[in-house]
Amino acid sequence: MGGSPSTSSSAKNNVILSYLFWWISGLIFLFVAKNDPDVKWNAAQSVVILGGLWLISAILYAVTLWPLGALVWLIGMVYWVIFLVGAFNYQGGRIKAPGIGQFTDQLTDQLANAVK
């Protein structure tokens, strides 16, 4: 009777932590939470979306296109807040990325399934 709430609480905490420090914590929980497919998927999404936006922003800053880099970074911040709100309200399952999920879900699935 007491195992189910702690399991869901643990999954919720892991999902929160996989988004908390952008793609870095997502990368960690991609390997740590190998036994929970939903946590692993959310961690993979953190790496794909937040890591991808961070990388694009860094490249744009490096080639002195800082206004575009700042815009991409701002979009990343918006997605980070959306993911954190979804993680704090986590009821199980996967937190979908609004607007771009249809494009990133396949890559997220591939990354999550690649980690065994």
N, C-alpha and C. Protein backbone atom coordinates (compact mmCIF):
# COMPACT_ATOMS: atom_id res chain seq x y z
N MET A 1 0.81 -1.18 0.00
CA MET A 1 0.00 0.00 0.00
C MET A 1 0.86 1.25 0.00
N GLY A 2 1.99 1.25 0.70
CA GLY A 2 2.85 2.43 0.76
C GLY A 2 3.84 2.52 -0.38
N GLY A 3 4.03 1.45 -1.19
CA GLY A 3 5.03 1.45 -2.24
C GLY A 3 4.68 2.32 -3.42
N SER A 4 3.42 2.38 -3.77
CA SER A 4 3.01 3.13 -4.95
C SER A 4 3.23 4.63 -4.82
N PRO A 5 2.80 5.28 -3.70
CA PRO A 5 3.05 6.71 -3.61
C PRO A 5 4.53 7.08 -3.60
N SER A 6 5.36 6.28 -2.94
CA SER A 6 6.78 6.62 -2.92
C SER A 6 7.40 6.45 -4.30
N THR A 7 6.92 5.46 -5.05
CA THR A 7 7.42 5.26 -6.40
C THR A 7 7.05 6.44 -7.27
N SER A 8 5.79 6.89 -7.20
CA SER A 8 5.38 8.03 -8.02
C SER A 8 6.06 9.31 -7.54
N SER A 9 6.26 9.42 -6.23
CA SER A 9 6.97 10.58 -5.69
C SER A 9 8.42 10.58 -6.15
N SER A 10 9.03 9.42 -6.17
CA SER A 10 10.41 9.30 -6.64
C SER A 10 10.49 9.65 -8.13
N ALA A 11 9.54 9.17 -8.91
CA ALA A 11 9.52 9.49 -10.34
C ALA A 11 9.32 10.98 -10.55
N LYS A 12 8.43 11.58 -9.77
CA LYS A 12 8.20 13.02 -9.89
C LYS A 12 9.48 13.79 -9.56
N ASN A 13 10.14 13.41 -8.48
CA ASN A 13 11.40 14.08 -8.11
C ASN A 13 12.46 13.91 -9.20
N ASN A 14 12.53 12.72 -9.78
CA ASN A 14 13.51 12.48 -10.84
C ASN A 14 13.21 13.30 -12.08
N VAL A 15 11.93 13.45 -12.41
CA VAL A 15 11.57 14.27 -13.57
C VAL A 15 11.90 15.73 -13.31
N ILE A 16 11.60 16.21 -12.10
CA ILE A 16 11.95 17.60 -11.75
C ILE A 16 13.45 17.80 -11.87
N LEU A 17 14.21 16.87 -11.32
CA LEU A 17 15.67 17.00 -11.36
C LEU A 17 16.22 16.87 -12.78
N SER A 18 15.56 16.11 -13.64
CA SER A 18 16.09 15.98 -15.00
C SER A 18 15.90 17.25 -15.82
N TYR A 19 14.99 18.14 -15.40
CA TYR A 19 14.84 19.43 -16.08
C TYR A 19 15.49 20.58 -15.32
N LEU A 20 15.80 20.39 -14.04
CA LEU A 20 16.20 21.49 -13.17
C LEU A 20 17.44 22.23 -13.66
N PHE A 21 18.46 21.54 -14.05
CA PHE A 21 19.71 22.17 -14.50
C PHE A 21 19.91 22.01 -16.00
N TRP A 22 18.85 22.31 -16.73
CA TRP A 22 18.84 22.25 -18.19
C TRP A 22 19.26 20.87 -18.68
N TRP A 23 20.06 20.82 -19.69
CA TRP A 23 20.43 19.56 -20.32
C TRP A 23 21.45 18.78 -19.51
N ILE A 24 22.15 19.44 -18.61
CA ILE A 24 23.18 18.75 -17.83
C ILE A 24 22.54 17.72 -16.90
N SER A 25 21.51 18.13 -16.16
CA SER A 25 20.84 17.17 -15.28
C SER A 25 20.05 16.15 -16.10
N GLY A 26 19.56 16.56 -17.28
CA GLY A 26 18.89 15.60 -18.15
C GLY A 26 19.84 14.50 -18.59
N LEU A 27 21.07 14.88 -18.91
CA LEU A 27 22.07 13.90 -19.31
C LEU A 27 22.38 12.94 -18.16
N ILE A 28 22.46 13.46 -16.96
CA ILE A 28 22.73 12.61 -15.79
C ILE A 28 21.58 11.62 -15.57
N PHE A 29 20.33 12.12 -15.59
CA PHE A 29 19.19 11.25 -15.32
C PHE A 29 18.87 10.33 -16.49
N LEU A 30 19.38 10.61 -17.65
CA LEU A 30 19.24 9.69 -18.77
C LEU A 30 19.91 8.36 -18.44
N PHE A 31 21.01 8.43 -17.70
CA PHE A 31 21.73 7.21 -17.32
C PHE A 31 21.34 6.70 -15.93
N VAL A 32 20.96 7.60 -15.04
CA VAL A 32 20.61 7.19 -13.67
C VAL A 32 19.25 6.50 -13.62
N ALA A 33 18.29 7.02 -14.36
CA ALA A 33 16.92 6.51 -14.29
C ALA A 33 16.61 5.55 -15.42
N LYS A 34 17.51 4.60 -15.65
CA LYS A 34 17.34 3.66 -16.76
C LYS A 34 16.13 2.74 -16.58
N ASN A 35 15.68 2.53 -15.35
CA ASN A 35 14.61 1.58 -15.09
C ASN A 35 13.22 2.19 -15.23
N ASP A 36 13.10 3.49 -15.30
CA ASP A 36 11.80 4.14 -15.45
C ASP A 36 11.74 4.79 -16.83
N PRO A 37 10.97 4.21 -17.74
CA PRO A 37 10.97 4.72 -19.12
C PRO A 37 10.46 6.15 -19.25
N ASP A 38 9.52 6.56 -18.41
CA ASP A 38 9.00 7.93 -18.51
C ASP A 38 10.03 8.95 -18.02
N VAL A 39 10.71 8.64 -16.93
CA VAL A 39 11.76 9.54 -16.44
C VAL A 39 12.88 9.61 -17.46
N LYS A 40 13.25 8.46 -18.01
CA LYS A 40 14.32 8.43 -19.02
C LYS A 40 13.92 9.24 -20.26
N TRP A 41 12.66 9.15 -20.67
CA TRP A 41 12.19 9.90 -21.84
C TRP A 41 12.23 11.40 -21.56
N ASN A 42 11.77 11.81 -20.38
CA ASN A 42 11.81 13.24 -20.03
C ASN A 42 13.23 13.75 -19.94
N ALA A 43 14.14 12.93 -19.43
CA ALA A 43 15.55 13.32 -19.38
C ALA A 43 16.11 13.45 -20.79
N ALA A 44 15.73 12.53 -21.68
CA ALA A 44 16.18 12.61 -23.07
C ALA A 44 15.62 13.87 -23.74
N GLN A 45 14.39 14.21 -23.44
CA GLN A 45 13.81 15.43 -24.00
C GLN A 45 14.56 16.66 -23.51
N SER A 46 14.97 16.66 -22.26
CA SER A 46 15.77 17.76 -21.72
C SER A 46 17.06 17.92 -22.51
N VAL A 47 17.70 16.80 -22.80
CA VAL A 47 18.95 16.84 -23.57
C VAL A 47 18.70 17.32 -24.99
N VAL A 48 17.67 16.78 -25.63
CA VAL A 48 17.40 17.11 -27.04
C VAL A 48 16.98 18.57 -27.20
N ILE A 49 15.99 19.00 -26.44
CA ILE A 49 15.44 20.34 -26.65
C ILE A 49 16.28 21.41 -25.96
N LEU A 50 16.47 21.27 -24.66
CA LEU A 50 17.22 22.31 -23.94
C LEU A 50 18.69 22.31 -24.34
N GLY A 51 19.25 21.12 -24.53
CA GLY A 51 20.64 21.04 -24.98
C GLY A 51 20.81 21.55 -26.39
N GLY A 52 19.86 21.23 -27.25
CA GLY A 52 19.92 21.72 -28.62
C GLY A 52 19.81 23.23 -28.71
N LEU A 53 18.87 23.80 -27.96
CA LEU A 53 18.72 25.26 -27.95
C LEU A 53 19.94 25.94 -27.35
N TRP A 54 20.51 25.33 -26.31
CA TRP A 54 21.72 25.88 -25.69
C TRP A 54 22.88 25.88 -26.70
N LEU A 55 23.02 24.77 -27.43
CA LEU A 55 24.10 24.66 -28.40
C LEU A 55 23.93 25.66 -29.54
N ILE A 56 22.72 25.78 -30.06
CA ILE A 56 22.47 26.75 -31.13
C ILE A 56 22.75 28.16 -30.65
N SER A 57 22.31 28.47 -29.45
CA SER A 57 22.55 29.80 -28.88
C SER A 57 24.05 30.06 -28.73
N ALA A 58 24.79 29.08 -28.23
CA ALA A 58 26.23 29.24 -28.04
C ALA A 58 26.94 29.46 -29.38
N ILE A 59 26.52 28.73 -30.38
CA ILE A 59 27.13 28.89 -31.71
C ILE A 59 26.83 30.28 -32.26
N LEU A 60 25.60 30.73 -32.12
CA LEU A 60 25.24 32.06 -32.62
C LEU A 60 26.01 33.16 -31.87
N TYR A 61 26.18 33.00 -30.57
CA TYR A 61 26.99 33.95 -29.82
C TYR A 61 28.44 33.93 -30.30
N ALA A 62 28.95 32.74 -30.59
CA ALA A 62 30.36 32.61 -30.99
C ALA A 62 30.64 33.26 -32.34
N VAL A 63 29.67 33.25 -33.22
CA VAL A 63 29.88 33.85 -34.54
C VAL A 63 29.33 35.28 -34.58
N THR A 64 29.25 35.87 -33.42
CA THR A 64 28.86 37.27 -33.21
C THR A 64 27.46 37.63 -33.74
N LEU A 65 26.58 36.65 -33.75
CA LEU A 65 25.18 36.92 -34.05
C LEU A 65 24.40 36.93 -32.74
N TRP A 66 24.88 37.75 -31.79
CA TRP A 66 24.33 37.71 -30.44
C TRP A 66 22.85 38.03 -30.36
N PRO A 67 22.25 38.87 -31.21
CA PRO A 67 20.79 39.06 -31.08
C PRO A 67 20.02 37.76 -31.35
N LEU A 68 20.46 37.00 -32.35
CA LEU A 68 19.81 35.72 -32.62
C LEU A 68 20.10 34.72 -31.50
N GLY A 69 21.33 34.73 -31.01
CA GLY A 69 21.69 33.86 -29.90
C GLY A 69 20.86 34.16 -28.67
N ALA A 70 20.64 35.44 -28.40
CA ALA A 70 19.83 35.83 -27.25
C ALA A 70 18.38 35.40 -27.43
N LEU A 71 17.88 35.48 -28.65
CA LEU A 71 16.51 35.06 -28.93
C LEU A 71 16.35 33.55 -28.73
N VAL A 72 17.30 32.79 -29.24
CA VAL A 72 17.26 31.33 -29.06
C VAL A 72 17.38 30.98 -27.59
N TRP A 73 18.25 31.67 -26.86
CA TRP A 73 18.39 31.42 -25.42
C TRP A 73 17.09 31.74 -24.69
N LEU A 74 16.41 32.82 -25.08
CA LEU A 74 15.14 33.19 -24.48
C LEU A 74 14.07 32.12 -24.76
N ILE A 75 14.06 31.60 -25.97
CA ILE A 75 13.13 30.51 -26.29
C ILE A 75 13.44 29.29 -25.42
N GLY A 76 14.72 29.01 -25.22
CA GLY A 76 15.12 27.92 -24.32
C GLY A 76 14.64 28.15 -22.90
N MET A 77 14.70 29.38 -22.43
CA MET A 77 14.22 29.69 -21.08
C MET A 77 12.71 29.46 -20.97
N VAL A 78 11.98 29.82 -22.02
CA VAL A 78 10.52 29.60 -22.01
C VAL A 78 10.23 28.11 -21.94
N TYR A 79 10.91 27.31 -22.76
CA TYR A 79 10.70 25.86 -22.71
C TYR A 79 11.12 25.29 -21.36
N TRP A 80 12.18 25.81 -20.79
CA TRP A 80 12.63 25.33 -19.47
C TRP A 80 11.55 25.58 -18.42
N VAL A 81 10.94 26.75 -18.44
CA VAL A 81 9.86 27.06 -17.48
C VAL A 81 8.66 26.14 -17.74
N ILE A 82 8.32 25.94 -19.01
CA ILE A 82 7.20 25.04 -19.33
C ILE A 82 7.47 23.63 -18.81
N PHE A 83 8.68 23.14 -19.02
CA PHE A 83 9.03 21.80 -18.55
C PHE A 83 9.04 21.71 -17.03
N LEU A 84 9.55 22.76 -16.36
CA LEU A 84 9.56 22.74 -14.89
C LEU A 84 8.15 22.77 -14.32
N VAL A 85 7.27 23.58 -14.90
CA VAL A 85 5.88 23.61 -14.43
C VAL A 85 5.25 22.24 -14.65
N GLY A 86 5.49 21.65 -15.81
CA GLY A 86 4.97 20.31 -16.07
C GLY A 86 5.55 19.28 -15.11
N ALA A 87 6.81 19.41 -14.75
CA ALA A 87 7.45 18.47 -13.84
C ALA A 87 6.89 18.62 -12.42
N PHE A 88 6.65 19.84 -11.98
CA PHE A 88 6.09 20.04 -10.64
C PHE A 88 4.65 19.57 -10.57
N ASN A 89 3.95 19.53 -11.69
CA ASN A 89 2.58 19.01 -11.74
C ASN A 89 2.54 17.59 -12.29
N TYR A 90 3.67 16.91 -12.26
CA TYR A 90 3.83 15.59 -12.87
C TYR A 90 2.89 14.56 -12.26
N GLN A 91 2.14 13.90 -13.13
CA GLN A 91 1.22 12.83 -12.71
C GLN A 91 1.61 11.50 -13.34
N GLY A 92 2.76 11.47 -13.96
CA GLY A 92 3.19 10.28 -14.69
C GLY A 92 3.15 10.56 -16.18
N GLY A 93 3.88 9.79 -16.94
CA GLY A 93 3.88 9.96 -18.39
C GLY A 93 4.97 10.88 -18.88
N ARG A 94 4.71 11.48 -20.02
CA ARG A 94 5.71 12.31 -20.68
C ARG A 94 5.21 13.73 -20.79
N ILE A 95 6.11 14.67 -20.58
CA ILE A 95 5.78 16.09 -20.71
C ILE A 95 6.11 16.48 -22.15
N LYS A 96 5.08 16.78 -22.90
CA LYS A 96 5.27 17.10 -24.32
C LYS A 96 5.70 18.55 -24.50
N ALA A 97 6.56 18.78 -25.47
CA ALA A 97 7.03 20.13 -25.80
C ALA A 97 6.01 20.78 -26.73
N PRO A 98 5.37 21.85 -26.29
CA PRO A 98 4.38 22.49 -27.16
C PRO A 98 5.04 23.13 -28.38
N GLY A 99 4.39 22.95 -29.51
CA GLY A 99 4.87 23.57 -30.74
C GLY A 99 5.90 22.77 -31.51
N ILE A 100 6.87 22.19 -30.82
CA ILE A 100 7.94 21.48 -31.52
C ILE A 100 8.00 20.00 -31.19
N GLY A 101 7.09 19.54 -30.35
CA GLY A 101 7.10 18.13 -29.96
C GLY A 101 6.97 17.17 -31.12
N GLN A 102 6.18 17.56 -32.12
CA GLN A 102 6.00 16.69 -33.28
C GLN A 102 7.31 16.48 -34.04
N PHE A 103 8.22 17.44 -33.92
CA PHE A 103 9.50 17.34 -34.62
C PHE A 103 10.57 16.67 -33.75
N THR A 104 10.47 16.84 -32.45
CA THR A 104 11.53 16.36 -31.56
C THR A 104 11.22 15.02 -30.90
N ASP A 105 9.97 14.58 -30.91
CA ASP A 105 9.61 13.34 -30.22
C ASP A 105 10.35 12.12 -30.76
N GLN A 106 10.52 12.05 -32.08
CA GLN A 106 11.21 10.90 -32.66
C GLN A 106 12.68 10.87 -32.22
N LEU A 107 13.34 12.01 -32.21
CA LEU A 107 14.73 12.08 -31.76
C LEU A 107 14.83 11.77 -30.26
N THR A 108 13.87 12.26 -29.50
CA THR A 108 13.83 11.96 -28.07
C THR A 108 13.65 10.48 -27.83
N ASP A 109 12.74 9.85 -28.57
CA ASP A 109 12.53 8.40 -28.45
C ASP A 109 13.81 7.64 -28.78
N GLN A 110 14.48 8.05 -29.84
CA GLN A 110 15.72 7.37 -30.24
C GLN A 110 16.79 7.49 -29.17
N LEU A 111 16.93 8.67 -28.59
CA LEU A 111 17.95 8.84 -27.53
C LEU A 111 17.59 8.05 -26.30
N ALA A 112 16.33 8.08 -25.90
CA ALA A 112 15.90 7.34 -24.70
C ALA A 112 16.08 5.85 -24.90
N ASN A 113 15.80 5.34 -26.09
CA ASN A 113 15.93 3.90 -26.35
C ASN A 113 17.38 3.48 -26.56
N ALA A 114 18.25 4.41 -26.89
CA ALA A 114 19.66 4.08 -27.11
C ALA A 114 20.39 3.82 -25.80
N VAL A 115 19.90 4.38 -24.71
CA VAL A 115 20.54 4.19 -23.39
C VAL A 115 19.93 2.96 -22.75
N LYS A 116 20.74 1.99 -22.51
CA LYS A 116 20.26 0.72 -21.91
C LYS A 116 20.69 0.59 -20.49
